[in-house]
Amino acid sequence: MTISFENRVAIVTGAGGGLGKQHALELGHRGAKVVVNDLGGAVDGSGGSISAAEAVAQEINDAGGTAIANGASVTDLNAVQAMIDETMSNWGRIDILVNNAGILRDKTFAKMEILNWHTVLDVHLNGSMNCTKIAWPIMMEQNYGRIVMTTSTSGLFGNFGQSNYGAAKLGLVGFMNTLRFEGAKFNIHTNSIAPIAATRMTLELPGFEDSAERLAPELVTPAVVFLCSEVAPNGRIIQAAGGRYYSADVRENTGVDLGANASVEDIATNIDAILDMSINLGILERQQNN
């Protein structure tokens, strides 16, 4: 089976380098017309230049593909609207949206400035919402869309010093979980990628020393491109790290029925069984059985 994107139009945010660049290059290589979006700022979101996006778009064009560069900040709704308008003016449709743009402002919660909480959530969570909100009615009208959210193990499982980043990343999973229901009848599939890769955002994090080859961004891209395809699932999280691809989901167990008169003491007595995840229905399994 060959995955092709001929006659498809894709927007990839944060595509001037790292993961987004690899996603954009592969989509372009497989025939998609690509909007390479990147503010061109530093890891913390400061500054900006369209040159990185232009370089990636040029690389796609030089290889025989079709791409344009865009320097909109995903936090600026007017700029996002202009990017969507330009895409529609050029190509008349939007089939794929990869919400990849992000920043880091890591500090322990005790030391984190409130501004850095809001700024990180604004880029990751609100930025993904902005792009999705404006592309959504277009996808509904054409009865087709593939949306990829970029979550993280920091959101799924937590990570020291990343309360703002983790909250934003798990928020994207909640966003996805609702969109998968609302978009299904319009053939809009929304999924998430949880990547582990050596990029400029991770170079200074513990465990990423000397990891450039072992955790190359291009080893994440096959999973993202699959989630952009016609055969993509809906509402799933794929994790990708160094050529290993695996899944995460939100589960619930069968619990313990303590009745309407349950007390705090009843909870205390049964807490081990209440928290035991070894026997569970799983939300996806229950939905399939209903």
C-alpha atoms as a PDB file:
ATOM      1  CA  MET A   1       0.000   0.000   0.000  1.00  0.00           C
ATOM      2  CA  THR A   2       1.413   3.384  -1.021  1.00  0.00           C
ATOM      3  CA  ILE A   3       0.307   6.479   0.876  1.00  0.00           C
ATOM      4  CA  SER A   4      -0.049   9.406  -1.526  1.00  0.00           C
ATOM      5  CA  PHE A   5      -1.242  12.972  -1.030  1.00  0.00           C
ATOM      6  CA  GLU A   6      -1.763  13.996  -4.629  1.00  0.00           C
ATOM      7  CA  ASN A   7      -4.414  16.734  -4.844  1.00  0.00           C
ATOM      8  CA  ARG A   8      -4.295  17.223  -1.077  1.00  0.00           C
ATOM      9  CA  VAL A   9      -3.451  20.506   0.663  1.00  0.00           C
ATOM     10  CA  ALA A  10      -1.666  20.510   4.017  1.00  0.00           C
ATOM     11  CA  ILE A  11      -0.840  23.162   6.591  1.00  0.00           C
ATOM     12  CA  VAL A  12       1.970  22.350   9.006  1.00  0.00           C
ATOM     13  CA  THR A  13       2.584  24.826  11.818  1.00  0.00           C
ATOM     14  CA  GLY A  14       5.983  25.242  13.400  1.00  0.00           C
ATOM     15  CA  ALA A  15       7.485  23.745  10.245  1.00  0.00           C
ATOM     16  CA  GLY A  16      10.623  25.860   9.971  1.00  0.00           C
ATOM     17  CA  GLY A  17      12.738  23.245  11.721  1.00  0.00           C
ATOM     18  CA  GLY A  18      12.734  20.088  13.815  1.00  0.00           C
ATOM     19  CA  LEU A  19       9.666  17.872  13.706  1.00  0.00           C
ATOM     20  CA  GLY A  20       7.494  20.237  11.673  1.00  0.00           C
ATOM     21  CA  LYS A  21      10.110  20.560   8.959  1.00  0.00           C
ATOM     22  CA  GLN A  22      10.322  16.790   8.536  1.00  0.00           C
ATOM     23  CA  HIS A  23       6.519  16.486   8.423  1.00  0.00           C
ATOM     24  CA  ALA A  24       6.276  19.202   5.767  1.00  0.00           C
ATOM     25  CA  LEU A  25       9.076  17.720   3.649  1.00  0.00           C
ATOM     26  CA  GLU A  26       7.535  14.247   3.658  1.00  0.00           C
ATOM     27  CA  LEU A  27       4.043  15.508   2.859  1.00  0.00           C
ATOM     28  CA  GLY A  28       5.508  17.526  -0.011  1.00  0.00           C
ATOM     29  CA  HIS A  29       7.502  14.539  -1.219  1.00  0.00           C
ATOM     30  CA  ARG A  30       4.288  12.490  -1.315  1.00  0.00           C
ATOM     31  CA  GLY A  31       2.454  15.018  -3.453  1.00  0.00           C
ATOM     32  CA  ALA A  32       0.701  17.365  -1.028  1.00  0.00           C
ATOM     33  CA  LYS A  33       0.683  21.104  -1.579  1.00  0.00           C
ATOM     34  CA  VAL A  34       2.149  22.391   1.677  1.00  0.00           C
ATOM     35  CA  VAL A  35       1.827  25.602   3.645  1.00  0.00           C
ATOM     36  CA  VAL A  36       5.018  25.785   5.706  1.00  0.00           C
ATOM     37  CA  ASN A  37       4.067  27.914   8.693  1.00  0.00           C
ATOM     38  CA  ASP A  38       6.603  29.148  11.208  1.00  0.00           C
ATOM     39  CA  LEU A  39       6.889  32.316  13.266  1.00  0.00           C
ATOM     40  CA  GLY A  40      10.638  31.812  13.301  1.00  0.00           C
ATOM     41  CA  GLY A  41      11.068  32.682  16.960  1.00  0.00           C
ATOM     42  CA  ALA A  42      13.364  31.325  19.635  1.00  0.00           C
ATOM     43  CA  VAL A  43      12.535  28.238  21.687  1.00  0.00           C
ATOM     44  CA  ASP A  44      10.794  30.451  24.247  1.00  0.00           C
ATOM     45  CA  GLY A  45       8.701  32.089  21.528  1.00  0.00           C
ATOM     46  CA  SER A  46      10.514  35.399  21.410  1.00  0.00           C
ATOM     47  CA  GLY A  47      11.467  37.078  18.124  1.00  0.00           C
ATOM     48  CA  GLY A  48      10.385  36.053  14.675  1.00  0.00           C
ATOM     49  CA  SER A  49      11.507  35.647  11.069  1.00  0.00           C
ATOM     50  CA  ILE A  50       9.921  33.976   8.062  1.00  0.00           C
ATOM     51  CA  SER A  51      13.312  32.871   6.720  1.00  0.00           C
ATOM     52  CA  ALA A  52      13.147  29.375   8.262  1.00  0.00           C
ATOM     53  CA  ALA A  53       9.724  28.718   6.720  1.00  0.00           C
ATOM     54  CA  GLU A  54      10.919  30.065   3.386  1.00  0.00           C
ATOM     55  CA  ALA A  55      13.924  27.734   3.404  1.00  0.00           C
ATOM     56  CA  VAL A  56      11.752  24.663   3.994  1.00  0.00           C
ATOM     57  CA  ALA A  57       9.237  25.716   1.330  1.00  0.00           C
ATOM     58  CA  GLN A  58      12.088  26.256  -1.098  1.00  0.00           C
ATOM     59  CA  GLU A  59      13.445  22.795  -0.330  1.00  0.00           C
ATOM     60  CA  ILE A  60      10.070  21.265  -1.160  1.00  0.00           C
ATOM     61  CA  ASN A  61       9.786  23.267  -4.371  1.00  0.00           C
ATOM     62  CA  ASP A  62      13.349  22.431  -5.427  1.00  0.00           C
ATOM     63  CA  ALA A  63      12.530  18.734  -5.010  1.00  0.00           C
ATOM     64  CA  GLY A  64       9.622  19.069  -7.429  1.00  0.00           C
ATOM     65  CA  GLY A  65       6.865  19.654  -4.893  1.00  0.00           C
ATOM     66  CA  THR A  66       4.654  22.647  -4.251  1.00  0.00           C
ATOM     67  CA  ALA A  67       4.891  24.763  -1.122  1.00  0.00           C
ATOM     68  CA  ILE A  68       4.528  28.299   0.177  1.00  0.00           C
ATOM     69  CA  ALA A  69       5.914  29.856   3.346  1.00  0.00           C
ATOM     70  CA  ASN A  70       3.865  31.611   5.987  1.00  0.00           C
ATOM     71  CA  GLY A  71       5.080  33.476   9.071  1.00  0.00           C
ATOM     72  CA  ALA A  72       1.854  33.786  11.067  1.00  0.00           C
ATOM     73  CA  SER A  73       1.866  33.343  14.822  1.00  0.00           C
ATOM     74  CA  VAL A  74      -0.693  30.692  15.705  1.00  0.00           C
ATOM     75  CA  THR A  75      -1.661  32.836  18.712  1.00  0.00           C
ATOM     76  CA  ASP A  76      -2.844  35.649  16.413  1.00  0.00           C
ATOM     77  CA  LEU A  77      -6.316  34.745  15.174  1.00  0.00           C
ATOM     78  CA  ASN A  78      -6.256  37.422  12.459  1.00  0.00           C
ATOM     79  CA  ALA A  79      -2.924  36.145  11.165  1.00  0.00           C
ATOM     80  CA  VAL A  80      -4.227  32.575  11.169  1.00  0.00           C
ATOM     81  CA  GLN A  81      -7.304  33.717   9.259  1.00  0.00           C
ATOM     82  CA  ALA A  82      -5.050  35.384   6.676  1.00  0.00           C
ATOM     83  CA  MET A  83      -3.032  32.146   6.346  1.00  0.00           C
ATOM     84  CA  ILE A  84      -6.206  30.114   5.784  1.00  0.00           C
ATOM     85  CA  ASP A  85      -7.488  32.699   3.289  1.00  0.00           C
ATOM     86  CA  GLU A  86      -4.210  32.597   1.365  1.00  0.00           C
ATOM     87  CA  THR A  87      -4.304  28.798   1.273  1.00  0.00           C
ATOM     88  CA  MET A  88      -7.865  28.792  -0.063  1.00  0.00           C
ATOM     89  CA  SER A  89      -7.050  31.489  -2.607  1.00  0.00           C
ATOM     90  CA  ASN A  90      -4.100  29.466  -3.924  1.00  0.00           C
ATOM     91  CA  TRP A  91      -5.497  25.940  -3.830  1.00  0.00           C
ATOM     92  CA  GLY A  92      -9.192  26.041  -2.940  1.00  0.00           C
ATOM     93  CA  ARG A  93      -9.196  23.469  -0.141  1.00  0.00           C
ATOM     94  CA  ILE A  94      -7.514  22.385   3.096  1.00  0.00           C
ATOM     95  CA  ASP A  95      -7.292  18.644   3.685  1.00  0.00           C
ATOM     96  CA  ILE A  96      -4.666  18.357   6.399  1.00  0.00           C
ATOM     97  CA  LEU A  97      -3.729  20.404   9.451  1.00  0.00           C
ATOM     98  CA  VAL A  98      -0.742  19.419  11.559  1.00  0.00           C
ATOM     99  CA  ASN A  99      -0.743  21.479  14.761  1.00  0.00           C
ATOM    100  CA  ASN A 100       2.943  21.293  15.584  1.00  0.00           C
ATOM    101  CA  ALA A 101       3.922  24.832  16.670  1.00  0.00           C
ATOM    102  CA  GLY A 102       5.156  25.095  20.235  1.00  0.00           C
ATOM    103  CA  ILE A 103       7.489  26.751  22.716  1.00  0.00           C
ATOM    104  CA  LEU A 104       9.133  25.863  26.017  1.00  0.00           C
ATOM    105  CA  ARG A 105       9.373  27.938  29.179  1.00  0.00           C
ATOM    106  CA  ASP A 106      10.350  25.320  31.747  1.00  0.00           C
ATOM    107  CA  LYS A 107      10.545  25.973  35.475  1.00  0.00           C
ATOM    108  CA  THR A 108       9.362  24.205  38.571  1.00  0.00           C
ATOM    109  CA  PHE A 109       5.842  25.244  39.486  1.00  0.00           C
ATOM    110  CA  ALA A 110       7.068  27.101  42.598  1.00  0.00           C
ATOM    111  CA  LYS A 111       9.356  29.296  40.496  1.00  0.00           C
ATOM    112  CA  MET A 112       7.273  29.649  37.337  1.00  0.00           C
ATOM    113  CA  GLU A 113       6.012  33.124  36.499  1.00  0.00           C
ATOM    114  CA  ILE A 114       2.262  33.237  35.842  1.00  0.00           C
ATOM    115  CA  LEU A 115       2.917  34.889  32.458  1.00  0.00           C
ATOM    116  CA  ASN A 116       4.853  31.815  31.347  1.00  0.00           C
ATOM    117  CA  TRP A 117       1.894  29.595  32.187  1.00  0.00           C
ATOM    118  CA  HIS A 118      -0.422  31.601  29.966  1.00  0.00           C
ATOM    119  CA  THR A 119       2.121  32.073  27.162  1.00  0.00           C
ATOM    120  CA  VAL A 120       2.851  28.346  26.811  1.00  0.00           C
ATOM    121  CA  LEU A 121      -0.837  27.424  26.860  1.00  0.00           C
ATOM    122  CA  ASP A 122      -1.560  30.186  24.355  1.00  0.00           C
ATOM    123  CA  VAL A 123       0.855  28.741  21.787  1.00  0.00           C
ATOM    124  CA  HIS A 124       0.212  25.018  22.210  1.00  0.00           C
ATOM    125  CA  LEU A 125      -3.454  24.831  23.155  1.00  0.00           C
ATOM    126  CA  ASN A 126      -5.003  28.085  21.947  1.00  0.00           C
ATOM    127  CA  GLY A 127      -2.783  28.141  18.862  1.00  0.00           C
ATOM    128  CA  SER A 128      -3.998  24.676  17.872  1.00  0.00           C
ATOM    129  CA  MET A 129      -7.557  25.767  18.535  1.00  0.00           C
ATOM    130  CA  ASN A 130      -7.148  28.907  16.391  1.00  0.00           C
ATOM    131  CA  CYS A 131      -5.893  26.977  13.374  1.00  0.00           C
ATOM    132  CA  THR A 132      -8.427  24.188  13.803  1.00  0.00           C
ATOM    133  CA  LYS A 133     -11.351  26.556  14.351  1.00  0.00           C
ATOM    134  CA  ILE A 134     -10.814  28.390  11.067  1.00  0.00           C
ATOM    135  CA  ALA A 135     -10.003  25.262   9.021  1.00  0.00           C
ATOM    136  CA  TRP A 136     -12.895  23.253  10.520  1.00  0.00           C
ATOM    137  CA  PRO A 137     -15.815  24.682   8.479  1.00  0.00           C
ATOM    138  CA  ILE A 138     -13.778  24.244   5.291  1.00  0.00           C
ATOM    139  CA  MET A 139     -13.222  20.587   6.113  1.00  0.00           C
ATOM    140  CA  MET A 140     -16.904  20.168   6.972  1.00  0.00           C
ATOM    141  CA  GLU A 141     -17.955  21.688   3.662  1.00  0.00           C
ATOM    142  CA  GLN A 142     -15.661  19.443   1.619  1.00  0.00           C
ATOM    143  CA  ASN A 143     -16.550  16.407   3.782  1.00  0.00           C
ATOM    144  CA  TYR A 144     -12.913  15.571   4.429  1.00  0.00           C
ATOM    145  CA  GLY A 145     -10.220  16.512   6.876  1.00  0.00           C
ATOM    146  CA  ARG A 146      -7.271  15.103   8.781  1.00  0.00           C
ATOM    147  CA  ILE A 147      -6.070  16.942  11.890  1.00  0.00           C
ATOM    148  CA  VAL A 148      -3.054  16.006  13.975  1.00  0.00           C
ATOM    149  CA  MET A 149      -2.481  17.440  17.442  1.00  0.00           C
ATOM    150  CA  THR A 150       1.009  17.310  18.912  1.00  0.00           C
ATOM    151  CA  THR A 151       0.727  16.090  22.485  1.00  0.00           C
ATOM    152  CA  SER A 152       3.584  14.856  24.669  1.00  0.00           C
ATOM    153  CA  THR A 153       4.507  12.310  27.290  1.00  0.00           C
ATOM    154  CA  SER A 154       4.860  15.351  29.551  1.00  0.00           C
ATOM    155  CA  GLY A 155       1.117  15.819  29.211  1.00  0.00           C
ATOM    156  CA  LEU A 156       0.197  12.133  29.306  1.00  0.00           C
ATOM    157  CA  PHE A 157       2.386  11.206  32.270  1.00  0.00           C
ATOM    158  CA  GLY A 158       3.936  14.428  33.632  1.00  0.00           C
ATOM    159  CA  ASN A 159       7.497  15.711  33.686  1.00  0.00           C
ATOM    160  CA  PHE A 160       9.473  17.678  36.231  1.00  0.00           C
ATOM    161  CA  GLY A 161       9.526  21.414  35.526  1.00  0.00           C
ATOM    162  CA  GLN A 162       6.871  21.308  32.815  1.00  0.00           C
ATOM    163  CA  SER A 163       3.551  22.029  34.510  1.00  0.00           C
ATOM    164  CA  ASN A 164       2.621  24.637  31.881  1.00  0.00           C
ATOM    165  CA  TYR A 165       3.747  22.514  28.928  1.00  0.00           C
ATOM    166  CA  GLY A 166       2.183  19.338  30.335  1.00  0.00           C
ATOM    167  CA  ALA A 167      -1.155  21.026  30.985  1.00  0.00           C
ATOM    168  CA  ALA A 168      -1.245  22.367  27.429  1.00  0.00           C
ATOM    169  CA  LYS A 169      -0.305  19.021  25.923  1.00  0.00           C
ATOM    170  CA  LEU A 170      -2.923  17.030  27.817  1.00  0.00           C
ATOM    171  CA  GLY A 171      -5.437  19.737  26.977  1.00  0.00           C
ATOM    172  CA  LEU A 172      -4.879  18.899  23.324  1.00  0.00           C
ATOM    173  CA  VAL A 173      -5.892  15.299  24.011  1.00  0.00           C
ATOM    174  CA  GLY A 174      -9.144  16.509  25.526  1.00  0.00           C
ATOM    175  CA  PHE A 175      -9.650  18.730  22.497  1.00  0.00           C
ATOM    176  CA  MET A 176      -9.032  15.760  20.187  1.00  0.00           C
ATOM    177  CA  ASN A 177     -11.404  13.527  22.120  1.00  0.00           C
ATOM    178  CA  THR A 178     -14.310  15.864  21.439  1.00  0.00           C
ATOM    179  CA  LEU A 179     -13.412  16.658  17.829  1.00  0.00           C
ATOM    180  CA  ARG A 180     -13.289  12.954  16.952  1.00  0.00           C
ATOM    181  CA  PHE A 181     -16.999  12.722  17.749  1.00  0.00           C
ATOM    182  CA  GLU A 182     -18.044  16.018  16.186  1.00  0.00           C
ATOM    183  CA  GLY A 183     -16.028  15.502  13.015  1.00  0.00           C
ATOM    184  CA  ALA A 184     -16.788  11.850  12.322  1.00  0.00           C
ATOM    185  CA  LYS A 185     -19.919  12.409  10.230  1.00  0.00           C
ATOM    186  CA  PHE A 186     -17.992  14.892   8.081  1.00  0.00           C
ATOM    187  CA  ASN A 187     -15.104  12.445   7.523  1.00  0.00           C
ATOM    188  CA  ILE A 188     -12.833  14.622   9.662  1.00  0.00           C
ATOM    189  CA  HIS A 189     -10.452  12.474  11.675  1.00  0.00           C
ATOM    190  CA  THR A 190      -8.541  14.021  14.567  1.00  0.00           C
ATOM    191  CA  ASN A 191      -5.597  12.214  16.135  1.00  0.00           C
ATOM    192  CA  SER A 192      -2.557  13.016  18.250  1.00  0.00           C
ATOM    193  CA  ILE A 193       1.156  12.339  18.020  1.00  0.00           C
ATOM    194  CA  ALA A 194       3.276  12.137  21.163  1.00  0.00           C
ATOM    195  CA  PRO A 195       6.837  12.461  19.860  1.00  0.00           C
ATOM    196  CA  ILE A 196      10.163  12.015  21.542  1.00  0.00           C
ATOM    197  CA  ALA A 197      12.814  13.587  19.331  1.00  0.00           C
ATOM    198  CA  ALA A 198      16.082  15.484  19.474  1.00  0.00           C
ATOM    199  CA  THR A 199      15.252  19.025  18.375  1.00  0.00           C
ATOM    200  CA  ARG A 200      16.362  22.472  19.490  1.00  0.00           C
ATOM    201  CA  MET A 201      13.515  22.351  22.040  1.00  0.00           C
ATOM    202  CA  THR A 202      14.909  19.235  23.709  1.00  0.00           C
ATOM    203  CA  LEU A 203      18.678  19.650  23.403  1.00  0.00           C
ATOM    204  CA  GLU A 204      19.092  20.880  26.979  1.00  0.00           C
ATOM    205  CA  LEU A 205      16.653  18.427  28.585  1.00  0.00           C
ATOM    206  CA  PRO A 206      18.049  15.517  30.654  1.00  0.00           C
ATOM    207  CA  GLY A 207      18.324  12.304  28.658  1.00  0.00           C
ATOM    208  CA  PHE A 208      18.738  13.988  25.282  1.00  0.00           C
ATOM    209  CA  GLU A 209      22.512  14.274  25.372  1.00  0.00           C
ATOM    210  CA  ASP A 210      24.103  12.719  22.259  1.00  0.00           C
ATOM    211  CA  SER A 211      20.662  11.722  20.984  1.00  0.00           C
ATOM    212  CA  ALA A 212      20.631  13.496  17.604  1.00  0.00           C
ATOM    213  CA  GLU A 213      20.843  10.285  15.588  1.00  0.00           C
ATOM    214  CA  ARG A 214      19.033   7.935  17.971  1.00  0.00           C
ATOM    215  CA  LEU A 215      16.046  10.270  18.332  1.00  0.00           C
ATOM    216  CA  ALA A 216      16.089  12.004  14.957  1.00  0.00           C
ATOM    217  CA  PRO A 217      12.882  13.966  14.150  1.00  0.00           C
ATOM    218  CA  GLU A 218      12.471  12.108  10.862  1.00  0.00           C
ATOM    219  CA  LEU A 219      11.812   8.929  12.882  1.00  0.00           C
ATOM    220  CA  VAL A 220       8.589  10.517  14.171  1.00  0.00           C
ATOM    221  CA  THR A 221       7.346  11.718  10.782  1.00  0.00           C
ATOM    222  CA  PRO A 222       6.091   8.360   9.386  1.00  0.00           C
ATOM    223  CA  ALA A 223       3.489   8.182  12.153  1.00  0.00           C
ATOM    224  CA  VAL A 224       2.393  11.794  11.594  1.00  0.00           C
ATOM    225  CA  VAL A 225       2.095  11.335   7.843  1.00  0.00           C
ATOM    226  CA  PHE A 226       0.070   8.167   8.374  1.00  0.00           C
ATOM    227  CA  LEU A 227      -2.303  10.132  10.629  1.00  0.00           C
ATOM    228  CA  CYS A 228      -2.663  12.654   7.782  1.00  0.00           C
ATOM    229  CA  SER A 229      -3.742   9.962   5.332  1.00  0.00           C
ATOM    230  CA  GLU A 230      -7.122   8.706   4.152  1.00  0.00           C
ATOM    231  CA  VAL A 231      -6.664   5.499   6.183  1.00  0.00           C
ATOM    232  CA  ALA A 232      -5.981   7.312   9.462  1.00  0.00           C
ATOM    233  CA  PRO A 233      -7.910   6.194  12.540  1.00  0.00           C
ATOM    234  CA  ASN A 234      -9.951   8.676  14.562  1.00  0.00           C
ATOM    235  CA  GLY A 235      -9.260   9.809  18.100  1.00  0.00           C
ATOM    236  CA  ARG A 236      -6.059   7.870  18.763  1.00  0.00           C
ATOM    237  CA  ILE A 237      -2.708   8.786  20.283  1.00  0.00           C
ATOM    238  CA  ILE A 238       0.422   7.391  18.674  1.00  0.00           C
ATOM    239  CA  GLN A 239       3.734   7.759  20.472  1.00  0.00           C
ATOM    240  CA  ALA A 240       6.924   7.752  18.423  1.00  0.00           C
ATOM    241  CA  ALA A 241      10.538   7.593  19.555  1.00  0.00           C
ATOM    242  CA  GLY A 242      13.605   6.437  17.674  1.00  0.00           C
ATOM    243  CA  GLY A 243      11.717   4.162  15.283  1.00  0.00           C
ATOM    244  CA  ARG A 244       9.418   2.699  17.942  1.00  0.00           C
ATOM    245  CA  TYR A 245       5.711   3.407  17.506  1.00  0.00           C
ATOM    246  CA  TYR A 246       3.218   2.650  20.248  1.00  0.00           C
ATOM    247  CA  SER A 247      -0.152   3.818  21.510  1.00  0.00           C
ATOM    248  CA  ALA A 248      -1.564   5.531  24.575  1.00  0.00           C
ATOM    249  CA  ASP A 249      -5.171   6.019  25.601  1.00  0.00           C
ATOM    250  CA  VAL A 250      -7.404   7.145  28.442  1.00  0.00           C
ATOM    251  CA  ARG A 251      -8.826   4.181  30.363  1.00  0.00           C
ATOM    252  CA  GLU A 252     -11.215   3.509  33.192  1.00  0.00           C
ATOM    253  CA  ASN A 253     -11.635   0.378  35.279  1.00  0.00           C
ATOM    254  CA  THR A 254     -14.842  -1.410  36.269  1.00  0.00           C
ATOM    255  CA  GLY A 255     -14.682   0.088  39.751  1.00  0.00           C
ATOM    256  CA  VAL A 256     -16.485  -1.026  42.877  1.00  0.00           C
ATOM    257  CA  ASP A 257     -20.230  -0.535  43.397  1.00  0.00           C
ATOM    258  CA  LEU A 258     -20.576   0.689  46.990  1.00  0.00           C
ATOM    259  CA  GLY A 259     -24.177   1.804  46.639  1.00  0.00           C
ATOM    260  CA  ALA A 260     -25.917   5.093  47.264  1.00  0.00           C
ATOM    261  CA  ASN A 261     -25.026   5.131  50.972  1.00  0.00           C
ATOM    262  CA  ALA A 262     -21.259   4.813  50.517  1.00  0.00           C
ATOM    263  CA  SER A 263     -19.206   6.629  53.155  1.00  0.00           C
ATOM    264  CA  VAL A 264     -15.697   8.001  53.251  1.00  0.00           C
ATOM    265  CA  GLU A 265     -14.747   4.934  55.283  1.00  0.00           C
ATOM    266  CA  ASP A 266     -16.135   2.657  52.548  1.00  0.00           C
ATOM    267  CA  ILE A 267     -13.894   4.441  50.051  1.00  0.00           C
ATOM    268  CA  ALA A 268     -10.901   3.964  52.365  1.00  0.00           C
ATOM    269  CA  THR A 269     -11.661   0.261  52.827  1.00  0.00           C
ATOM    270  CA  ASN A 270     -12.007  -0.364  49.086  1.00  0.00           C
ATOM    271  CA  ILE A 271      -9.436   2.075  47.737  1.00  0.00           C
ATOM    272  CA  ASP A 272      -7.074  -0.615  46.417  1.00  0.00           C
ATOM    273  CA  ALA A 273      -9.853  -2.151  44.301  1.00  0.00           C
ATOM    274  CA  ILE A 274     -11.091   1.277  43.196  1.00  0.00           C
ATOM    275  CA  LEU A 275      -7.627   2.186  41.921  1.00  0.00           C
ATOM    276  CA  ASP A 276      -6.826  -1.237  40.432  1.00  0.00           C
ATOM    277  CA  MET A 277      -6.474  -0.833  36.661  1.00  0.00           C
ATOM    278  CA  SER A 278      -5.682  -4.505  35.982  1.00  0.00           C
ATOM    279  CA  ILE A 279      -9.360  -5.252  35.280  1.00  0.00           C
ATOM    280  CA  ASN A 280     -10.914  -2.580  33.141  1.00  0.00           C
ATOM    281  CA  LEU A 281     -13.444  -2.110  30.405  1.00  0.00           C
ATOM    282  CA  GLY A 282     -11.559   0.678  28.655  1.00  0.00           C
ATOM    283  CA  ILE A 283     -13.542   3.545  27.232  1.00  0.00           C
ATOM    284  CA  LEU A 284     -12.783   2.574  23.638  1.00  0.00           C
ATOM    285  CA  GLU A 285     -13.836  -1.057  24.206  1.00  0.00           C
ATOM    286  CA  ARG A 286     -17.113   0.021  25.825  1.00  0.00           C
ATOM    287  CA  GLN A 287     -17.903   2.386  22.973  1.00  0.00           C
ATOM    288  CA  GLN A 288     -17.304  -0.380  20.436  1.00  0.00           C
ATOM    289  CA  ASN A 289     -19.664  -2.684  22.339  1.00  0.00           C
ATOM    290  CA  ASN A 290     -22.469  -0.106  22.558  1.00  0.00           C
END
